[in-house]
C-alpha cells in the first residue's frame, strides 16, 4: 500500500491524500498506480498526474452528476468504471 500526502501552495490551499495498492502484482479489478516519473520530485514517485485527473476529469463529472455520496454509491461506482480507460481484458499499464 502506498500512501501519499501533499500540502503546498503551488496547487492551491489544502492537503491532499491518496492511498493506492502498491506492489509487484496488480489484480484484474484492482486500481493501478499512476506515477509522475519526474526524477526531481519524490524520486519519480510523485502522484500529481493522478491528483490532476481527479481535479480535472473525475471531480467535475461527479459534481455534474448531482449524485449523493451517501445514497448513490452504486451509480457513482458506475461513473468511475465508465471513466476508467484501462478497463480491458489485457494487462493494464499506466499512461505515461
N, C-alpha and C. Protein backbone atom coordinates (compact mmCIF):
# COMPACT_ATOMS: atom_id res chain seq x y z
N UNK A 1 0.85 -1.16 0.00
CA UNK A 1 0.00 0.00 0.00
C UNK A 1 0.90 1.23 0.00
N UNK A 2 0.59 2.17 -0.85
CA UNK A 2 1.36 3.42 -0.94
C UNK A 2 0.47 4.54 -0.43
N UNK A 3 1.00 5.35 0.44
CA UNK A 3 0.25 6.48 0.99
C UNK A 3 1.01 7.75 0.66
N UNK A 4 0.33 8.74 0.12
CA UNK A 4 0.97 9.99 -0.27
C UNK A 4 0.15 11.16 0.25
N UNK A 5 0.81 12.10 0.89
CA UNK A 5 0.16 13.33 1.33
C UNK A 5 0.91 14.50 0.76
N UNK A 6 0.19 15.49 0.31
CA UNK A 6 0.83 16.68 -0.25
C UNK A 6 0.11 17.91 0.28
N UNK A 7 0.86 18.86 0.73
CA UNK A 7 0.28 20.13 1.15
C UNK A 7 1.20 21.23 0.64
N UNK A 8 0.70 22.03 -0.27
CA UNK A 8 1.56 23.05 -0.84
C UNK A 8 0.77 24.12 -1.56
N UNK A 9 1.36 25.29 -1.65
CA UNK A 9 0.66 26.42 -2.24
C UNK A 9 0.69 26.40 -3.76
N UNK A 10 1.55 25.56 -4.37
CA UNK A 10 1.64 25.59 -5.83
C UNK A 10 0.42 24.98 -6.51
N UNK A 11 -0.38 24.19 -5.81
CA UNK A 11 -1.60 23.66 -6.41
C UNK A 11 -2.85 24.14 -5.69
N UNK A 12 -2.69 25.05 -4.78
CA UNK A 12 -3.84 25.58 -4.08
C UNK A 12 -3.79 25.29 -2.60
N UNK A 13 -4.79 25.74 -1.90
CA UNK A 13 -4.85 25.59 -0.46
C UNK A 13 -5.38 24.21 -0.12
N UNK A 14 -4.81 23.59 0.88
CA UNK A 14 -5.34 22.33 1.36
C UNK A 14 -4.34 21.21 1.36
N UNK A 15 -4.75 20.12 1.92
CA UNK A 15 -3.94 18.91 1.96
C UNK A 15 -4.66 17.85 1.16
N UNK A 16 -3.92 17.15 0.35
CA UNK A 16 -4.49 16.11 -0.49
C UNK A 16 -3.89 14.78 -0.07
N UNK A 17 -4.70 13.77 0.01
CA UNK A 17 -4.24 12.47 0.44
C UNK A 17 -4.74 11.42 -0.55
N UNK A 18 -3.86 10.49 -0.91
CA UNK A 18 -4.24 9.39 -1.79
C UNK A 18 -3.63 8.11 -1.26
N UNK A 19 -4.38 7.03 -1.32
CA UNK A 19 -3.88 5.73 -0.91
C UNK A 19 -4.23 4.75 -2.02
N UNK A 20 -3.22 4.06 -2.53
CA UNK A 20 -3.43 3.08 -3.59
C UNK A 20 -2.64 1.82 -3.29
N UNK A 21 -3.08 0.68 -3.82
CA UNK A 21 -2.28 -0.53 -3.66
C UNK A 21 -0.93 -0.34 -4.34
N UNK A 22 0.10 -0.89 -3.78
CA UNK A 22 1.42 -0.76 -4.37
C UNK A 22 2.16 -2.06 -4.18
N UNK A 23 2.58 -2.64 -5.28
CA UNK A 23 3.31 -3.89 -5.19
C UNK A 23 3.64 -4.43 -6.55
N UNK A 24 4.25 -5.59 -6.57
CA UNK A 24 4.69 -6.19 -7.82
C UNK A 24 3.52 -6.69 -8.65
N UNK A 25 2.43 -7.07 -8.01
CA UNK A 25 1.30 -7.65 -8.73
C UNK A 25 0.04 -6.82 -8.52
N UNK A 26 -0.67 -6.57 -9.60
CA UNK A 26 -1.93 -5.85 -9.55
C UNK A 26 -3.04 -6.78 -10.02
N UNK A 27 -4.06 -6.95 -9.20
CA UNK A 27 -5.17 -7.81 -9.57
C UNK A 27 -5.98 -7.22 -10.71
N UNK A 28 -6.75 -8.06 -11.38
CA UNK A 28 -7.52 -7.63 -12.55
C UNK A 28 -8.50 -6.51 -12.23
N UNK A 29 -9.04 -6.49 -11.02
CA UNK A 29 -10.02 -5.46 -10.65
C UNK A 29 -9.47 -4.46 -9.65
N UNK A 30 -8.17 -4.39 -9.55
CA UNK A 30 -7.51 -3.53 -8.58
C UNK A 30 -7.03 -2.25 -9.25
N UNK A 31 -7.06 -1.17 -8.51
CA UNK A 31 -6.54 0.10 -9.03
C UNK A 31 -5.05 -0.02 -9.31
N UNK A 32 -4.59 0.68 -10.34
CA UNK A 32 -3.16 0.69 -10.62
C UNK A 32 -2.61 2.08 -10.35
N UNK A 33 -1.32 2.12 -10.10
CA UNK A 33 -0.66 3.38 -9.77
C UNK A 33 -0.41 4.22 -11.01
N UNK A 34 -0.50 5.51 -10.85
CA UNK A 34 -0.09 6.45 -11.89
C UNK A 34 0.95 7.35 -11.25
N UNK A 35 2.20 7.15 -11.60
CA UNK A 35 3.30 7.94 -11.04
C UNK A 35 3.74 8.98 -12.05
N UNK A 36 4.27 10.09 -11.54
CA UNK A 36 4.68 11.20 -12.40
C UNK A 36 5.93 10.89 -13.20
N UNK A 37 6.86 10.15 -12.62
CA UNK A 37 8.10 9.84 -13.33
C UNK A 37 9.11 10.98 -13.35
N UNK A 38 8.86 12.05 -12.62
CA UNK A 38 9.79 13.18 -12.55
C UNK A 38 10.84 12.88 -11.49
N UNK A 39 12.06 12.61 -11.93
CA UNK A 39 13.14 12.22 -11.03
C UNK A 39 13.45 13.29 -9.98
N UNK A 40 13.08 14.54 -10.25
CA UNK A 40 13.38 15.63 -9.32
C UNK A 40 12.29 15.83 -8.27
N UNK A 41 11.18 15.15 -8.39
CA UNK A 41 10.09 15.27 -7.42
C UNK A 41 9.77 13.90 -6.85
N UNK A 42 10.11 13.68 -5.61
CA UNK A 42 9.84 12.42 -4.93
C UNK A 42 10.47 11.23 -5.64
N UNK A 43 11.61 11.45 -6.28
CA UNK A 43 12.32 10.36 -6.94
C UNK A 43 11.51 9.68 -8.03
N UNK A 44 10.65 10.42 -8.68
CA UNK A 44 9.81 9.86 -9.74
C UNK A 44 8.53 9.22 -9.25
N UNK A 45 8.33 9.22 -7.93
CA UNK A 45 7.16 8.54 -7.36
C UNK A 45 6.01 9.49 -7.03
N UNK A 46 6.09 10.73 -7.48
CA UNK A 46 5.01 11.69 -7.23
C UNK A 46 3.71 11.26 -7.89
N UNK A 47 2.61 11.80 -7.40
CA UNK A 47 1.29 11.42 -7.92
C UNK A 47 0.47 12.63 -8.37
N UNK A 48 1.16 13.69 -8.80
CA UNK A 48 0.44 14.89 -9.22
C UNK A 48 -0.41 14.64 -10.47
N UNK A 49 0.00 13.72 -11.36
CA UNK A 49 -0.83 13.38 -12.52
C UNK A 49 -2.16 12.80 -12.06
N UNK A 50 -2.10 11.92 -11.07
CA UNK A 50 -3.33 11.31 -10.55
C UNK A 50 -4.21 12.37 -9.88
N UNK A 51 -3.60 13.26 -9.10
CA UNK A 51 -4.35 14.33 -8.45
C UNK A 51 -5.00 15.22 -9.50
N UNK A 52 -4.27 15.51 -10.57
CA UNK A 52 -4.80 16.32 -11.66
C UNK A 52 -5.99 15.63 -12.32
N UNK A 53 -5.90 14.31 -12.52
CA UNK A 53 -7.02 13.57 -13.10
C UNK A 53 -8.28 13.70 -12.24
N UNK A 54 -8.10 13.66 -10.93
CA UNK A 54 -9.25 13.80 -10.04
C UNK A 54 -9.83 15.21 -10.15
N UNK A 55 -8.96 16.22 -10.15
CA UNK A 55 -9.43 17.60 -10.19
C UNK A 55 -10.02 18.03 -11.51
N UNK A 56 -9.47 17.52 -12.61
CA UNK A 56 -9.88 17.99 -13.94
C UNK A 56 -10.86 17.06 -14.66
N UNK A 57 -10.88 15.79 -14.30
CA UNK A 57 -11.74 14.83 -15.01
C UNK A 57 -12.79 14.23 -14.08
N UNK A 58 -12.35 13.50 -13.08
CA UNK A 58 -13.27 12.73 -12.24
C UNK A 58 -14.17 13.66 -11.41
N UNK A 59 -13.57 14.62 -10.73
CA UNK A 59 -14.35 15.52 -9.87
C UNK A 59 -15.47 16.24 -10.59
N UNK A 60 -15.17 16.91 -11.71
CA UNK A 60 -16.23 17.62 -12.43
C UNK A 60 -17.37 16.70 -12.89
N UNK A 61 -17.04 15.50 -13.33
CA UNK A 61 -18.09 14.57 -13.76
C UNK A 61 -18.98 14.19 -12.58
N UNK A 62 -18.37 13.92 -11.43
CA UNK A 62 -19.16 13.55 -10.26
C UNK A 62 -20.01 14.72 -9.77
N UNK A 63 -19.46 15.92 -9.76
CA UNK A 63 -20.23 17.09 -9.34
C UNK A 63 -21.40 17.32 -10.28
N UNK A 64 -21.13 17.23 -11.58
CA UNK A 64 -22.19 17.44 -12.58
C UNK A 64 -23.30 16.40 -12.45
N UNK A 65 -22.96 15.19 -12.01
CA UNK A 65 -23.96 14.13 -11.89
C UNK A 65 -25.00 14.46 -10.82
N UNK A 66 -24.62 15.27 -9.83
CA UNK A 66 -25.55 15.62 -8.76
C UNK A 66 -25.88 14.48 -7.82
N UNK A 67 -25.11 13.41 -7.87
CA UNK A 67 -25.39 12.25 -7.03
C UNK A 67 -25.02 12.51 -5.58
N UNK A 68 -25.70 11.82 -4.69
CA UNK A 68 -25.45 11.93 -3.26
C UNK A 68 -24.49 10.81 -2.85
N UNK A 69 -23.34 11.17 -2.27
CA UNK A 69 -22.35 10.15 -1.92
C UNK A 69 -22.83 9.22 -0.83
N UNK A 70 -23.85 9.60 -0.09
CA UNK A 70 -24.38 8.75 0.98
C UNK A 70 -25.40 7.73 0.48
N UNK A 71 -26.06 8.03 -0.65
CA UNK A 71 -27.14 7.14 -1.09
C UNK A 71 -26.98 6.59 -2.50
N UNK A 72 -26.04 7.12 -3.28
CA UNK A 72 -25.92 6.74 -4.70
C UNK A 72 -24.60 6.06 -5.03
N UNK A 73 -24.05 5.28 -4.09
CA UNK A 73 -22.72 4.70 -4.30
C UNK A 73 -22.65 3.82 -5.54
N UNK A 74 -23.67 3.03 -5.81
CA UNK A 74 -23.63 2.15 -7.00
C UNK A 74 -23.56 2.97 -8.28
N UNK A 75 -24.30 4.06 -8.35
CA UNK A 75 -24.27 4.90 -9.55
C UNK A 75 -22.93 5.63 -9.67
N UNK A 76 -22.37 6.04 -8.54
CA UNK A 76 -21.04 6.66 -8.55
C UNK A 76 -20.00 5.66 -9.02
N UNK A 77 -20.07 4.43 -8.53
CA UNK A 77 -19.14 3.39 -8.98
C UNK A 77 -19.24 3.18 -10.49
N UNK A 78 -20.46 3.20 -11.02
CA UNK A 78 -20.64 3.02 -12.46
C UNK A 78 -20.00 4.16 -13.24
N UNK A 79 -20.14 5.38 -12.77
CA UNK A 79 -19.50 6.52 -13.42
C UNK A 79 -17.99 6.33 -13.42
N UNK A 80 -17.42 5.95 -12.28
CA UNK A 80 -15.97 5.74 -12.20
C UNK A 80 -15.52 4.64 -13.14
N UNK A 81 -16.29 3.57 -13.23
CA UNK A 81 -15.94 2.49 -14.16
C UNK A 81 -15.99 2.96 -15.60
N UNK A 82 -16.97 3.79 -15.94
CA UNK A 82 -17.07 4.31 -17.30
C UNK A 82 -15.91 5.24 -17.63
N UNK A 83 -15.38 5.94 -16.63
CA UNK A 83 -14.24 6.83 -16.85
C UNK A 83 -12.91 6.08 -16.91
N UNK A 84 -12.90 4.84 -16.47
CA UNK A 84 -11.65 4.07 -16.39
C UNK A 84 -11.22 3.61 -17.78
N UNK A 85 -10.25 4.32 -18.34
CA UNK A 85 -9.77 3.99 -19.70
C UNK A 85 -8.97 2.70 -19.74
N UNK A 86 -8.62 2.17 -18.58
CA UNK A 86 -7.81 0.94 -18.55
C UNK A 86 -8.65 -0.31 -18.41
N UNK A 87 -9.99 -0.19 -18.38
CA UNK A 87 -10.82 -1.40 -18.25
C UNK A 87 -10.76 -2.17 -19.56
N UNK A 88 -9.97 -3.19 -19.56
CA UNK A 88 -9.79 -4.01 -20.75
C UNK A 88 -9.34 -5.40 -20.31
N UNK A 89 -9.59 -6.42 -21.13
CA UNK A 89 -9.21 -7.78 -20.73
C UNK A 89 -7.70 -8.00 -20.66
N UNK A 90 -6.92 -7.25 -21.44
CA UNK A 90 -5.47 -7.44 -21.42
C UNK A 90 -4.86 -6.75 -20.21
N UNK A 91 -3.64 -7.13 -19.83
CA UNK A 91 -2.99 -6.47 -18.69
C UNK A 91 -2.91 -4.96 -18.91
N UNK A 92 -3.13 -4.20 -17.86
CA UNK A 92 -3.18 -2.75 -17.96
C UNK A 92 -1.83 -2.14 -17.61
N UNK A 93 -1.52 -1.06 -18.28
CA UNK A 93 -0.31 -0.29 -17.99
C UNK A 93 -0.73 1.16 -17.84
N UNK A 94 -0.14 1.87 -16.88
CA UNK A 94 -0.48 3.29 -16.74
C UNK A 94 -0.08 4.09 -17.96
N UNK A 95 -0.85 5.12 -18.26
CA UNK A 95 -0.50 6.03 -19.34
C UNK A 95 0.65 6.90 -18.85
N UNK A 96 1.67 7.06 -19.65
CA UNK A 96 2.84 7.85 -19.25
C UNK A 96 2.72 9.27 -19.72
